[in-house]
Amino acid sequence: MIQAIPKHVSFDEFIAWYPENSEYRYELHDGVIIQMPKPTGKHSQVSGFIVLKVGMEIYRLNLPYFIPKDCVIKPSREESGYEPDVIVLDKHTIGNEPRWERESIITQGTSARLVIEVVSTNWSDDYALKLEEYESVGIPEYWIVDYLGLGGKRYIGFPKQPTVSVCQLVDGSYQIRQFRESDRIESAAFPELNLTAQQVFKVGE
């Protein structure tokens, strides 16, 4: 269950408030601090597996990218902030971020190569709210990994089934492709990545 902390705050107030070493993650949605649901074991396994596969690709190709343990994305709206499940940052452009070194905050889409959200009970945030926000800040690639097929029918069709939605930024708007079963996930950030949707879903079974 997502728990809201009933106080309207700015992004800077949210960052100053954020408790250190908390067992929970928090996000700021339109000025409201939201306690995110504690990830299930399967959710953590899926996230960890993706980090492993993407990290191996970064290492194999000696790419100038890294995957931070913690990172907050501040979109253009002053009163929102999101902590994605996985984010791949670019060493060449992260230096342009005024708040990265001190606070692990990014405000520019050019700092990220890829953002991934693993869907849980608050699936509408990933398919609607965060998609719009990541698009507006200019994140070039965004994956929605719905390993349980929880998303609404308008997003993943009917009958609902596990789906990876890959959103690519084209002329300022996301173009979405979906991958299921034995489909190889096609990524502009990692064009040689050898990973199928089913390999990801199997981790969450």
N, C-alpha and C. Protein backbone atom coordinates (compact mmCIF):
# COMPACT_ATOMS: atom_id res chain seq x y z
N MET A 1 0.85 -1.19 0.00
CA MET A 1 0.00 0.00 0.00
C MET A 1 0.89 1.24 0.00
N ILE A 2 0.62 2.16 -0.92
CA ILE A 2 1.37 3.40 -0.97
C ILE A 2 0.84 4.33 0.11
N GLN A 3 1.73 4.89 0.87
CA GLN A 3 1.34 5.78 1.97
C GLN A 3 1.77 7.19 1.67
N ALA A 4 0.82 8.12 1.72
CA ALA A 4 1.14 9.53 1.50
C ALA A 4 1.38 10.21 2.84
N ILE A 5 2.38 11.08 2.87
CA ILE A 5 2.65 11.86 4.06
C ILE A 5 2.00 13.23 3.83
N PRO A 6 0.95 13.55 4.57
CA PRO A 6 0.07 14.67 4.21
C PRO A 6 0.66 16.05 4.50
N LYS A 7 1.60 16.46 3.67
CA LYS A 7 2.13 17.81 3.76
C LYS A 7 2.60 18.23 2.38
N HIS A 8 2.24 19.41 1.96
CA HIS A 8 2.62 19.91 0.65
C HIS A 8 4.00 20.54 0.75
N VAL A 9 4.95 20.01 -0.01
CA VAL A 9 6.33 20.48 0.10
C VAL A 9 6.91 20.73 -1.29
N SER A 10 7.97 21.52 -1.33
CA SER A 10 8.71 21.76 -2.57
C SER A 10 9.73 20.63 -2.76
N PHE A 11 10.34 20.60 -3.93
CA PHE A 11 11.36 19.59 -4.19
C PHE A 11 12.52 19.72 -3.22
N ASP A 12 13.00 20.93 -2.98
CA ASP A 12 14.12 21.13 -2.06
C ASP A 12 13.77 20.73 -0.63
N GLU A 13 12.54 21.00 -0.21
CA GLU A 13 12.09 20.57 1.12
C GLU A 13 12.05 19.05 1.20
N PHE A 14 11.62 18.43 0.13
CA PHE A 14 11.58 16.96 0.07
C PHE A 14 12.98 16.37 0.22
N ILE A 15 13.95 16.91 -0.49
CA ILE A 15 15.32 16.40 -0.42
C ILE A 15 15.90 16.62 0.98
N ALA A 16 15.63 17.77 1.57
CA ALA A 16 16.12 18.03 2.92
C ALA A 16 15.47 17.11 3.94
N TRP A 17 14.21 16.75 3.71
CA TRP A 17 13.45 15.88 4.63
C TRP A 17 13.86 14.42 4.50
N TYR A 18 14.28 14.00 3.31
CA TYR A 18 14.45 12.56 3.02
C TYR A 18 15.31 11.89 4.09
N PRO A 19 14.76 10.90 4.80
CA PRO A 19 15.50 10.26 5.90
C PRO A 19 16.66 9.41 5.40
N GLU A 20 17.80 9.51 6.06
CA GLU A 20 18.96 8.69 5.69
C GLU A 20 18.75 7.26 6.18
N ASN A 21 19.26 6.32 5.38
CA ASN A 21 19.23 4.90 5.74
C ASN A 21 17.82 4.38 6.01
N SER A 22 16.84 4.94 5.32
CA SER A 22 15.46 4.48 5.48
C SER A 22 15.27 3.13 4.78
N GLU A 23 14.42 2.28 5.35
CA GLU A 23 14.13 1.01 4.69
C GLU A 23 13.15 1.22 3.54
N TYR A 24 12.56 2.39 3.46
CA TYR A 24 11.61 2.70 2.39
C TYR A 24 12.20 3.72 1.42
N ARG A 25 11.62 3.73 0.22
CA ARG A 25 11.92 4.77 -0.75
C ARG A 25 10.76 5.75 -0.76
N TYR A 26 11.07 6.99 -1.10
CA TYR A 26 10.04 8.02 -1.15
C TYR A 26 10.15 8.76 -2.47
N GLU A 27 9.00 9.22 -2.95
CA GLU A 27 8.97 10.08 -4.12
C GLU A 27 8.08 11.28 -3.82
N LEU A 28 8.25 12.32 -4.62
CA LEU A 28 7.44 13.52 -4.48
C LEU A 28 6.54 13.63 -5.70
N HIS A 29 5.24 13.56 -5.47
CA HIS A 29 4.27 13.64 -6.56
C HIS A 29 3.42 14.90 -6.38
N ASP A 30 3.69 15.92 -7.19
CA ASP A 30 2.93 17.17 -7.12
C ASP A 30 2.87 17.73 -5.71
N GLY A 31 4.03 17.76 -5.05
CA GLY A 31 4.12 18.37 -3.73
C GLY A 31 3.77 17.47 -2.57
N VAL A 32 3.38 16.22 -2.85
CA VAL A 32 3.01 15.27 -1.80
C VAL A 32 4.08 14.19 -1.72
N ILE A 33 4.62 13.97 -0.52
CA ILE A 33 5.60 12.91 -0.31
C ILE A 33 4.88 11.57 -0.25
N ILE A 34 5.33 10.64 -1.10
CA ILE A 34 4.71 9.33 -1.20
C ILE A 34 5.69 8.28 -0.71
N GLN A 35 5.27 7.48 0.26
CA GLN A 35 6.08 6.33 0.68
C GLN A 35 5.80 5.19 -0.29
N MET A 36 6.82 4.76 -1.02
CA MET A 36 6.63 3.73 -2.02
C MET A 36 6.52 2.36 -1.35
N PRO A 37 5.75 1.45 -1.97
CA PRO A 37 5.63 0.13 -1.37
C PRO A 37 6.98 -0.58 -1.33
N LYS A 38 7.23 -1.28 -0.25
CA LYS A 38 8.49 -2.01 -0.13
C LYS A 38 8.54 -3.07 -1.23
N PRO A 39 9.62 -3.14 -2.02
CA PRO A 39 9.67 -4.10 -3.12
C PRO A 39 9.54 -5.54 -2.63
N THR A 40 8.79 -6.33 -3.37
CA THR A 40 8.73 -7.75 -3.07
C THR A 40 10.05 -8.40 -3.47
N GLY A 41 10.24 -9.63 -3.03
CA GLY A 41 11.46 -10.34 -3.40
C GLY A 41 11.60 -10.50 -4.90
N LYS A 42 10.49 -10.82 -5.57
CA LYS A 42 10.53 -11.01 -7.02
C LYS A 42 10.84 -9.71 -7.74
N HIS A 43 10.24 -8.62 -7.26
CA HIS A 43 10.51 -7.30 -7.84
C HIS A 43 12.00 -6.99 -7.76
N SER A 44 12.59 -7.24 -6.59
CA SER A 44 14.02 -6.99 -6.40
C SER A 44 14.87 -7.90 -7.28
N GLN A 45 14.43 -9.16 -7.44
CA GLN A 45 15.17 -10.09 -8.30
C GLN A 45 15.17 -9.61 -9.75
N VAL A 46 14.00 -9.16 -10.22
CA VAL A 46 13.90 -8.69 -11.60
C VAL A 46 14.78 -7.45 -11.80
N SER A 47 14.70 -6.50 -10.87
CA SER A 47 15.53 -5.29 -10.97
C SER A 47 17.01 -5.64 -10.96
N GLY A 48 17.39 -6.53 -10.04
CA GLY A 48 18.80 -6.93 -9.94
C GLY A 48 19.29 -7.64 -11.18
N PHE A 49 18.44 -8.49 -11.76
CA PHE A 49 18.82 -9.21 -12.98
C PHE A 49 19.06 -8.24 -14.13
N ILE A 50 18.19 -7.24 -14.26
CA ILE A 50 18.36 -6.25 -15.33
C ILE A 50 19.64 -5.45 -15.12
N VAL A 51 19.91 -5.05 -13.86
CA VAL A 51 21.15 -4.33 -13.57
C VAL A 51 22.35 -5.18 -13.96
N LEU A 52 22.30 -6.48 -13.65
CA LEU A 52 23.40 -7.38 -14.00
C LEU A 52 23.61 -7.44 -15.51
N LYS A 53 22.53 -7.66 -16.26
CA LYS A 53 22.65 -7.82 -17.71
C LYS A 53 23.12 -6.52 -18.38
N VAL A 54 22.56 -5.39 -17.96
CA VAL A 54 22.96 -4.11 -18.53
C VAL A 54 24.39 -3.77 -18.11
N GLY A 55 24.71 -4.05 -16.84
CA GLY A 55 26.07 -3.79 -16.36
C GLY A 55 27.11 -4.61 -17.11
N MET A 56 26.78 -5.85 -17.41
CA MET A 56 27.71 -6.69 -18.19
C MET A 56 27.94 -6.12 -19.58
N GLU A 57 26.89 -5.55 -20.15
CA GLU A 57 27.02 -4.95 -21.49
C GLU A 57 27.89 -3.69 -21.43
N ILE A 58 27.70 -2.89 -20.39
CA ILE A 58 28.55 -1.71 -20.21
C ILE A 58 30.01 -2.12 -20.10
N TYR A 59 30.27 -3.17 -19.31
CA TYR A 59 31.64 -3.65 -19.10
C TYR A 59 32.20 -4.26 -20.39
N ARG A 60 31.40 -5.07 -21.07
CA ARG A 60 31.87 -5.76 -22.28
C ARG A 60 32.30 -4.77 -23.36
N LEU A 61 31.54 -3.70 -23.52
CA LEU A 61 31.81 -2.74 -24.58
C LEU A 61 32.61 -1.53 -24.09
N ASN A 62 32.97 -1.55 -22.80
CA ASN A 62 33.73 -0.45 -22.21
C ASN A 62 33.04 0.89 -22.47
N LEU A 63 31.74 0.92 -22.20
CA LEU A 63 30.95 2.13 -22.44
C LEU A 63 31.14 3.12 -21.29
N PRO A 64 31.04 4.40 -21.56
CA PRO A 64 31.26 5.42 -20.52
C PRO A 64 30.00 5.65 -19.68
N TYR A 65 29.39 4.56 -19.22
CA TYR A 65 28.16 4.64 -18.45
C TYR A 65 28.36 4.02 -17.08
N PHE A 66 27.47 4.34 -16.16
CA PHE A 66 27.47 3.68 -14.86
C PHE A 66 26.05 3.63 -14.31
N ILE A 67 25.83 2.70 -13.37
CA ILE A 67 24.52 2.51 -12.76
C ILE A 67 24.64 2.86 -11.28
N PRO A 68 24.12 4.00 -10.85
CA PRO A 68 24.24 4.39 -9.44
C PRO A 68 23.30 3.58 -8.56
N LYS A 69 23.66 3.46 -7.30
CA LYS A 69 22.78 2.79 -6.34
C LYS A 69 21.55 3.63 -6.06
N ASP A 70 21.74 4.94 -5.93
CA ASP A 70 20.63 5.85 -5.64
C ASP A 70 20.69 7.03 -6.59
N CYS A 71 19.52 7.49 -7.00
CA CYS A 71 19.46 8.65 -7.89
C CYS A 71 18.03 9.17 -7.88
N VAL A 72 17.88 10.47 -7.81
CA VAL A 72 16.56 11.11 -7.89
C VAL A 72 16.50 11.92 -9.17
N ILE A 73 15.43 11.72 -9.93
CA ILE A 73 15.19 12.50 -11.13
C ILE A 73 14.25 13.64 -10.78
N LYS A 74 14.69 14.86 -11.05
CA LYS A 74 13.84 16.03 -10.85
C LYS A 74 13.36 16.50 -12.22
N PRO A 75 12.08 16.28 -12.53
CA PRO A 75 11.57 16.74 -13.82
C PRO A 75 11.36 18.25 -13.82
N SER A 76 10.76 18.73 -14.87
CA SER A 76 10.62 20.19 -15.01
C SER A 76 9.68 20.78 -13.96
N ARG A 77 8.73 20.00 -13.49
CA ARG A 77 7.84 20.52 -12.46
C ARG A 77 8.58 20.60 -11.13
N GLU A 78 8.45 21.72 -10.45
CA GLU A 78 9.22 21.99 -9.24
C GLU A 78 8.85 21.04 -8.10
N GLU A 79 7.63 20.55 -8.07
CA GLU A 79 7.16 19.82 -6.90
C GLU A 79 7.05 18.32 -7.14
N SER A 80 7.96 17.76 -7.94
CA SER A 80 7.98 16.31 -8.16
C SER A 80 9.41 15.82 -8.17
N GLY A 81 9.59 14.56 -7.81
CA GLY A 81 10.91 13.92 -7.83
C GLY A 81 10.73 12.41 -7.76
N TYR A 82 11.46 11.68 -8.60
CA TYR A 82 11.26 10.24 -8.71
C TYR A 82 12.59 9.50 -8.55
N GLU A 83 12.50 8.33 -7.93
CA GLU A 83 13.67 7.48 -7.73
C GLU A 83 13.45 6.18 -8.51
N PRO A 84 14.00 6.07 -9.72
CA PRO A 84 13.70 4.92 -10.56
C PRO A 84 14.34 3.63 -10.04
N ASP A 85 13.79 2.50 -10.50
CA ASP A 85 14.35 1.21 -10.10
C ASP A 85 15.76 1.03 -10.65
N VAL A 86 15.96 1.45 -11.89
CA VAL A 86 17.28 1.35 -12.53
C VAL A 86 17.49 2.60 -13.38
N ILE A 87 18.69 3.18 -13.30
CA ILE A 87 19.03 4.29 -14.18
C ILE A 87 20.48 4.13 -14.61
N VAL A 88 20.72 4.35 -15.89
CA VAL A 88 22.06 4.29 -16.46
C VAL A 88 22.47 5.72 -16.80
N LEU A 89 23.55 6.19 -16.19
CA LEU A 89 24.01 7.56 -16.38
C LEU A 89 25.26 7.61 -17.26
N ASP A 90 25.45 8.73 -17.90
CA ASP A 90 26.55 8.94 -18.85
C ASP A 90 27.67 9.73 -18.17
N LYS A 91 28.86 9.14 -18.08
CA LYS A 91 29.99 9.82 -17.44
C LYS A 91 30.37 11.10 -18.17
N HIS A 92 30.11 11.17 -19.47
CA HIS A 92 30.52 12.33 -20.25
C HIS A 92 29.64 13.56 -20.01
N THR A 93 28.39 13.34 -19.59
CA THR A 93 27.48 14.47 -19.43
C THR A 93 27.06 14.72 -17.98
N ILE A 94 27.34 13.79 -17.09
CA ILE A 94 26.90 13.94 -15.70
C ILE A 94 27.56 15.16 -15.04
N GLY A 95 28.73 15.57 -15.55
CA GLY A 95 29.40 16.72 -14.99
C GLY A 95 28.64 18.03 -15.17
N ASN A 96 27.66 18.03 -16.08
CA ASN A 96 26.85 19.22 -16.31
C ASN A 96 25.71 19.36 -15.30
N GLU A 97 25.56 18.35 -14.45
CA GLU A 97 24.48 18.36 -13.47
C GLU A 97 24.91 19.13 -12.22
N PRO A 98 24.25 20.23 -11.89
CA PRO A 98 24.69 21.04 -10.76
C PRO A 98 24.49 20.39 -9.40
N ARG A 99 23.61 19.38 -9.32
CA ARG A 99 23.30 18.79 -8.01
C ARG A 99 23.73 17.33 -7.88
N TRP A 100 24.43 16.82 -8.89
CA TRP A 100 24.79 15.41 -8.86
C TRP A 100 25.79 15.09 -7.76
N GLU A 101 26.91 15.79 -7.73
CA GLU A 101 27.98 15.47 -6.79
C GLU A 101 27.52 15.55 -5.34
N ARG A 102 26.70 16.50 -5.04
CA ARG A 102 26.30 16.74 -3.65
C ARG A 102 25.08 15.94 -3.23
N GLU A 103 24.14 15.71 -4.19
CA GLU A 103 22.85 15.15 -3.79
C GLU A 103 22.35 13.97 -4.63
N SER A 104 23.12 13.52 -5.62
CA SER A 104 22.69 12.42 -6.51
C SER A 104 21.36 12.75 -7.20
N ILE A 105 21.23 13.99 -7.65
CA ILE A 105 20.03 14.44 -8.35
C ILE A 105 20.37 14.77 -9.79
N ILE A 106 19.53 14.33 -10.72
CA ILE A 106 19.71 14.74 -12.11
C ILE A 106 18.48 15.52 -12.56
N THR A 107 18.72 16.53 -13.39
CA THR A 107 17.67 17.41 -13.87
C THR A 107 17.63 17.48 -15.39
N GLN A 108 18.60 16.84 -16.05
CA GLN A 108 18.72 16.93 -17.50
C GLN A 108 18.66 15.54 -18.13
N GLY A 109 17.83 15.41 -19.16
CA GLY A 109 17.69 14.12 -19.81
C GLY A 109 18.98 13.61 -20.42
N THR A 110 19.88 14.52 -20.81
CA THR A 110 21.14 14.11 -21.43
C THR A 110 22.07 13.40 -20.45
N SER A 111 21.78 13.46 -19.16
CA SER A 111 22.61 12.77 -18.18
C SER A 111 22.35 11.28 -18.16
N ALA A 112 21.19 10.86 -18.63
CA ALA A 112 20.78 9.45 -18.57
C ALA A 112 20.77 8.84 -19.96
N ARG A 113 21.15 7.58 -20.01
CA ARG A 113 21.01 6.82 -21.26
C ARG A 113 19.75 5.96 -21.24
N LEU A 114 19.37 5.52 -20.03
CA LEU A 114 18.25 4.60 -19.90
C LEU A 114 17.69 4.69 -18.49
N VAL A 115 16.36 4.70 -18.38
CA VAL A 115 15.66 4.60 -17.10
C VAL A 115 14.71 3.41 -17.18
N ILE A 116 14.66 2.63 -16.10
CA ILE A 116 13.80 1.44 -16.07
C ILE A 116 12.96 1.46 -14.80
N GLU A 117 11.66 1.24 -14.97
CA GLU A 117 10.76 1.03 -13.84
C GLU A 117 10.21 -0.39 -13.94
N VAL A 118 10.30 -1.12 -12.82
CA VAL A 118 9.72 -2.46 -12.73
C VAL A 118 8.35 -2.29 -12.08
N VAL A 119 7.32 -2.72 -12.78
CA VAL A 119 5.95 -2.43 -12.38
C VAL A 119 5.56 -3.21 -11.12
N SER A 120 4.87 -2.50 -10.22
CA SER A 120 4.28 -3.14 -9.04
C SER A 120 2.83 -2.66 -8.93
N THR A 121 2.27 -2.68 -7.74
CA THR A 121 0.85 -2.38 -7.60
C THR A 121 0.49 -0.97 -8.03
N ASN A 122 1.44 -0.05 -7.97
CA ASN A 122 1.17 1.33 -8.42
C ASN A 122 1.50 1.49 -9.90
N TRP A 123 1.01 0.56 -10.71
CA TRP A 123 1.40 0.49 -12.12
C TRP A 123 1.02 1.75 -12.91
N SER A 124 -0.03 2.43 -12.51
CA SER A 124 -0.45 3.61 -13.28
C SER A 124 0.60 4.71 -13.26
N ASP A 125 1.39 4.78 -12.17
CA ASP A 125 2.46 5.77 -12.11
C ASP A 125 3.48 5.53 -13.22
N ASP A 126 3.83 4.25 -13.45
CA ASP A 126 4.85 3.93 -14.44
C ASP A 126 4.37 4.16 -15.86
N TYR A 127 3.10 3.80 -16.13
CA TYR A 127 2.57 3.91 -17.49
C TYR A 127 2.12 5.31 -17.86
N ALA A 128 1.74 6.11 -16.89
CA ALA A 128 1.19 7.43 -17.21
C ALA A 128 2.03 8.56 -16.63
N LEU A 129 2.04 8.70 -15.32
CA LEU A 129 2.72 9.82 -14.67
C LEU A 129 4.20 9.88 -15.02
N LYS A 130 4.93 8.78 -14.79
CA LYS A 130 6.38 8.82 -15.00
C LYS A 130 6.72 8.86 -16.48
N LEU A 131 5.93 8.20 -17.30
CA LEU A 131 6.18 8.27 -18.74
C LEU A 131 6.13 9.73 -19.20
N GLU A 132 5.12 10.44 -18.76
CA GLU A 132 5.00 11.86 -19.16
C GLU A 132 6.15 12.69 -18.62
N GLU A 133 6.52 12.44 -17.37
CA GLU A 133 7.58 13.23 -16.75
C GLU A 133 8.95 12.93 -17.37
N TYR A 134 9.25 11.65 -17.59
CA TYR A 134 10.54 11.30 -18.19
C TYR A 134 10.63 11.81 -19.63
N GLU A 135 9.51 11.80 -20.31
CA GLU A 135 9.46 12.36 -21.66
C GLU A 135 9.74 13.85 -21.63
N SER A 136 9.14 14.56 -20.67
CA SER A 136 9.28 16.02 -20.62
C SER A 136 10.71 16.45 -20.29
N VAL A 137 11.41 15.65 -19.46
CA VAL A 137 12.77 16.03 -19.09
C VAL A 137 13.78 15.59 -20.16
N GLY A 138 13.32 14.76 -21.10
CA GLY A 138 14.19 14.36 -22.21
C GLY A 138 15.00 13.10 -21.98
N ILE A 139 14.50 12.19 -21.13
CA ILE A 139 15.15 10.89 -20.97
C ILE A 139 15.04 10.14 -22.30
N PRO A 140 16.15 9.76 -22.93
CA PRO A 140 16.06 9.22 -24.30
C PRO A 140 15.43 7.84 -24.40
N GLU A 141 15.51 7.04 -23.32
CA GLU A 141 14.95 5.69 -23.39
C GLU A 141 14.41 5.29 -22.02
N TYR A 142 13.21 4.74 -22.02
CA TYR A 142 12.52 4.39 -20.78
C TYR A 142 11.85 3.03 -20.96
N TRP A 143 12.20 2.09 -20.07
CA TRP A 143 11.57 0.77 -20.10
C TRP A 143 10.56 0.64 -18.97
N ILE A 144 9.40 0.07 -19.29
CA ILE A 144 8.41 -0.30 -18.28
C ILE A 144 8.36 -1.83 -18.28
N VAL A 145 8.90 -2.43 -17.23
CA VAL A 145 9.01 -3.89 -17.16
C VAL A 145 7.86 -4.41 -16.31
N ASP A 146 6.83 -4.90 -16.99
CA ASP A 146 5.61 -5.37 -16.33
C ASP A 146 5.62 -6.90 -16.33
N TYR A 147 6.43 -7.47 -15.42
CA TYR A 147 6.67 -8.92 -15.45
C TYR A 147 5.48 -9.74 -14.95
N LEU A 148 4.51 -9.09 -14.33
CA LEU A 148 3.30 -9.79 -13.87
C LEU A 148 2.07 -9.44 -14.73
N GLY A 149 2.24 -8.57 -15.70
CA GLY A 149 1.10 -8.18 -16.54
C GLY A 149 0.04 -7.44 -15.73
N LEU A 150 0.46 -6.48 -14.91
CA LEU A 150 -0.46 -5.76 -14.03
C LEU A 150 -1.09 -4.54 -14.69
N GLY A 151 -0.47 -4.01 -15.71
CA GLY A 151 -0.93 -2.76 -16.31
C GLY A 151 -2.33 -2.86 -16.87
N GLY A 152 -2.96 -1.70 -17.01
CA GLY A 152 -4.31 -1.66 -17.56
C GLY A 152 -4.36 -2.14 -19.00
N LYS A 153 -5.54 -2.55 -19.43
CA LYS A 153 -5.71 -3.10 -20.79
C LYS A 153 -5.34 -2.08 -21.86
N ARG A 154 -5.55 -0.80 -21.57
CA ARG A 154 -5.22 0.23 -22.56
C ARG A 154 -3.72 0.32 -22.80
N TYR A 155 -2.92 -0.19 -21.84
CA TYR A 155 -1.46 -0.12 -21.97
C TYR A 155 -0.86 -1.41 -22.51
N ILE A 156 -1.38 -2.57 -22.08
CA ILE A 156 -0.75 -3.83 -22.51
C ILE A 156 -1.72 -4.75 -23.25
N GLY A 157 -2.94 -4.28 -23.52
CA GLY A 157 -3.89 -5.07 -24.28
C GLY A 157 -4.62 -6.11 -23.45
N PHE A 158 -5.45 -6.90 -24.14
CA PHE A 158 -6.24 -7.94 -23.48
C PHE A 158 -6.27 -9.18 -24.37
N PRO A 159 -6.09 -10.38 -23.82
CA PRO A 159 -5.83 -10.65 -22.40
C PRO A 159 -4.46 -10.09 -21.97
N LYS A 160 -4.42 -9.62 -20.73
CA LYS A 160 -3.18 -9.02 -20.23
C LYS A 160 -2.12 -10.09 -20.07
N GLN A 161 -0.88 -9.72 -20.38
CA GLN A 161 0.23 -10.64 -20.24
C GLN A 161 1.51 -9.86 -19.95
N PRO A 162 2.52 -10.53 -19.39
CA PRO A 162 3.78 -9.85 -19.10
C PRO A 162 4.32 -9.14 -20.34
N THR A 163 4.76 -7.91 -20.15
CA THR A 163 5.16 -7.06 -21.28
C THR A 163 6.30 -6.14 -20.87
N VAL A 164 7.27 -5.97 -21.76
CA VAL A 164 8.26 -4.92 -21.60
C VAL A 164 7.95 -3.84 -22.64
N SER A 165 7.64 -2.64 -22.17
CA SER A 165 7.37 -1.52 -23.07
C SER A 165 8.63 -0.66 -23.13
N VAL A 166 9.18 -0.51 -24.32
CA VAL A 166 10.38 0.30 -24.52
C VAL A 166 9.98 1.60 -25.21
N CYS A 167 10.21 2.70 -24.51
CA CYS A 167 9.83 4.02 -25.00
C CYS A 167 11.08 4.74 -25.48
N GLN A 168 11.10 5.11 -26.75
CA GLN A 168 12.24 5.81 -27.33
C GLN A 168 11.83 7.24 -27.65
N LEU A 169 12.66 8.20 -27.26
CA LEU A 169 12.35 9.60 -27.50
C LEU A 169 12.66 9.96 -28.95
N VAL A 170 11.63 10.35 -29.69
CA VAL A 170 11.76 10.75 -31.10
C VAL A 170 11.07 12.10 -31.26
N ASP A 171 11.86 13.12 -31.62
CA ASP A 171 11.33 14.48 -31.79
C ASP A 171 10.55 14.94 -30.56
N GLY A 172 11.07 14.62 -29.39
CA GLY A 172 10.48 15.10 -28.15
C GLY A 172 9.34 14.28 -27.59
N SER A 173 8.94 13.20 -28.29
CA SER A 173 7.84 12.36 -27.82
C SER A 173 8.26 10.89 -27.81
N TYR A 174 7.72 10.12 -26.88
CA TYR A 174 8.05 8.71 -26.80
C TYR A 174 7.30 7.90 -27.86
N GLN A 175 8.05 7.09 -28.58
CA GLN A 175 7.50 6.06 -29.45
C GLN A 175 7.65 4.74 -28.70
N ILE A 176 6.58 3.99 -28.58
CA ILE A 176 6.56 2.82 -27.71
C ILE A 176 6.49 1.53 -28.52
N ARG A 177 7.40 0.61 -28.19
CA ARG A 177 7.37 -0.75 -28.75
C ARG A 177 7.26 -1.72 -27.59
N GLN A 178 6.52 -2.80 -27.81
CA GLN A 178 6.30 -3.77 -26.74
C GLN A 178 6.89 -5.12 -27.09
N PHE A 179 7.44 -5.78 -26.07
CA PHE A 179 8.12 -7.06 -26.25
C PHE A 179 7.56 -8.07 -25.27
N ARG A 180 7.28 -9.28 -25.78
CA ARG A 180 6.70 -10.34 -24.97
C ARG A 180 7.35 -11.67 -25.34
N GLU A 181 7.21 -12.63 -24.44
CA GLU A 181 7.65 -14.01 -24.67
C GLU A 181 9.09 -14.04 -25.18
N SER A 182 9.33 -14.61 -26.35
CA SER A 182 10.70 -14.81 -26.82
C SER A 182 11.26 -13.61 -27.59
N ASP A 183 10.52 -12.50 -27.63
CA ASP A 183 11.02 -11.30 -28.32
C ASP A 183 12.32 -10.82 -27.69
N ARG A 184 13.31 -10.50 -28.52
CA ARG A 184 14.51 -9.86 -28.00
C ARG A 184 14.20 -8.39 -27.78
N ILE A 185 14.52 -7.90 -26.58
CA ILE A 185 14.27 -6.50 -26.25
C ILE A 185 15.23 -5.63 -27.05
N GLU A 186 14.68 -4.72 -27.83
CA GLU A 186 15.49 -3.86 -28.69
C GLU A 186 15.69 -2.50 -28.02
N SER A 187 16.94 -2.15 -27.81
CA SER A 187 17.31 -0.94 -27.08
C SER A 187 18.25 -0.09 -27.91
N ALA A 188 17.93 1.20 -28.04
CA ALA A 188 18.83 2.11 -28.74
C ALA A 188 20.09 2.36 -27.91
N ALA A 189 19.95 2.35 -26.59
CA ALA A 189 21.10 2.59 -25.72
C ALA A 189 22.06 1.41 -25.75
N PHE A 190 21.51 0.20 -25.91
CA PHE A 190 22.32 -1.02 -25.91
C PHE A 190 21.89 -1.90 -27.08
N PRO A 191 22.25 -1.50 -28.30
CA PRO A 191 21.74 -2.21 -29.49
C PRO A 191 22.21 -3.66 -29.60
N GLU A 192 23.30 -4.02 -28.93
CA GLU A 192 23.78 -5.40 -29.00
C GLU A 192 23.32 -6.25 -27.82
N LEU A 193 22.48 -5.70 -26.97
CA LEU A 193 22.02 -6.42 -25.78
C LEU A 193 21.25 -7.67 -26.20
N ASN A 194 21.71 -8.82 -25.71
CA ASN A 194 21.07 -10.09 -26.03
C ASN A 194 20.21 -10.53 -24.85
N LEU A 195 18.99 -10.02 -24.82
CA LEU A 195 18.09 -10.26 -23.68
C LEU A 195 16.67 -10.33 -24.20
N THR A 196 15.98 -11.42 -23.87
CA THR A 196 14.59 -11.57 -24.29
C THR A 196 13.66 -11.19 -23.15
N ALA A 197 12.43 -10.87 -23.53
CA ALA A 197 11.42 -10.56 -22.51
C ALA A 197 11.23 -11.76 -21.58
N GLN A 198 11.19 -12.97 -22.14
CA GLN A 198 10.95 -14.15 -21.33
C GLN A 198 12.07 -14.39 -20.30
N GLN A 199 13.30 -14.06 -20.66
CA GLN A 199 14.40 -14.20 -19.70
C GLN A 199 14.17 -13.31 -18.47
N VAL A 200 13.65 -12.12 -18.73
CA VAL A 200 13.34 -11.21 -17.62
C VAL A 200 12.16 -11.74 -16.81
N PHE A 201 11.11 -12.17 -17.49
CA PHE A 201 9.92 -12.62 -16.78
C PHE A 201 10.18 -13.87 -15.96
N LYS A 202 11.03 -14.74 -16.46
CA LYS A 202 11.33 -15.99 -15.77
C LYS A 202 11.91 -15.73 -14.37
N VAL A 203 12.70 -14.65 -14.25
CA VAL A 203 13.28 -14.31 -12.96
C VAL A 203 12.19 -13.99 -11.93
N GLY A 204 11.06 -13.45 -12.42
CA GLY A 204 9.99 -13.05 -11.52
C GLY A 204 8.94 -14.11 -11.30
N GLU A 205 9.14 -15.31 -11.84
CA GLU A 205 8.14 -16.38 -11.67
C GLU A 205 8.17 -16.94 -10.25
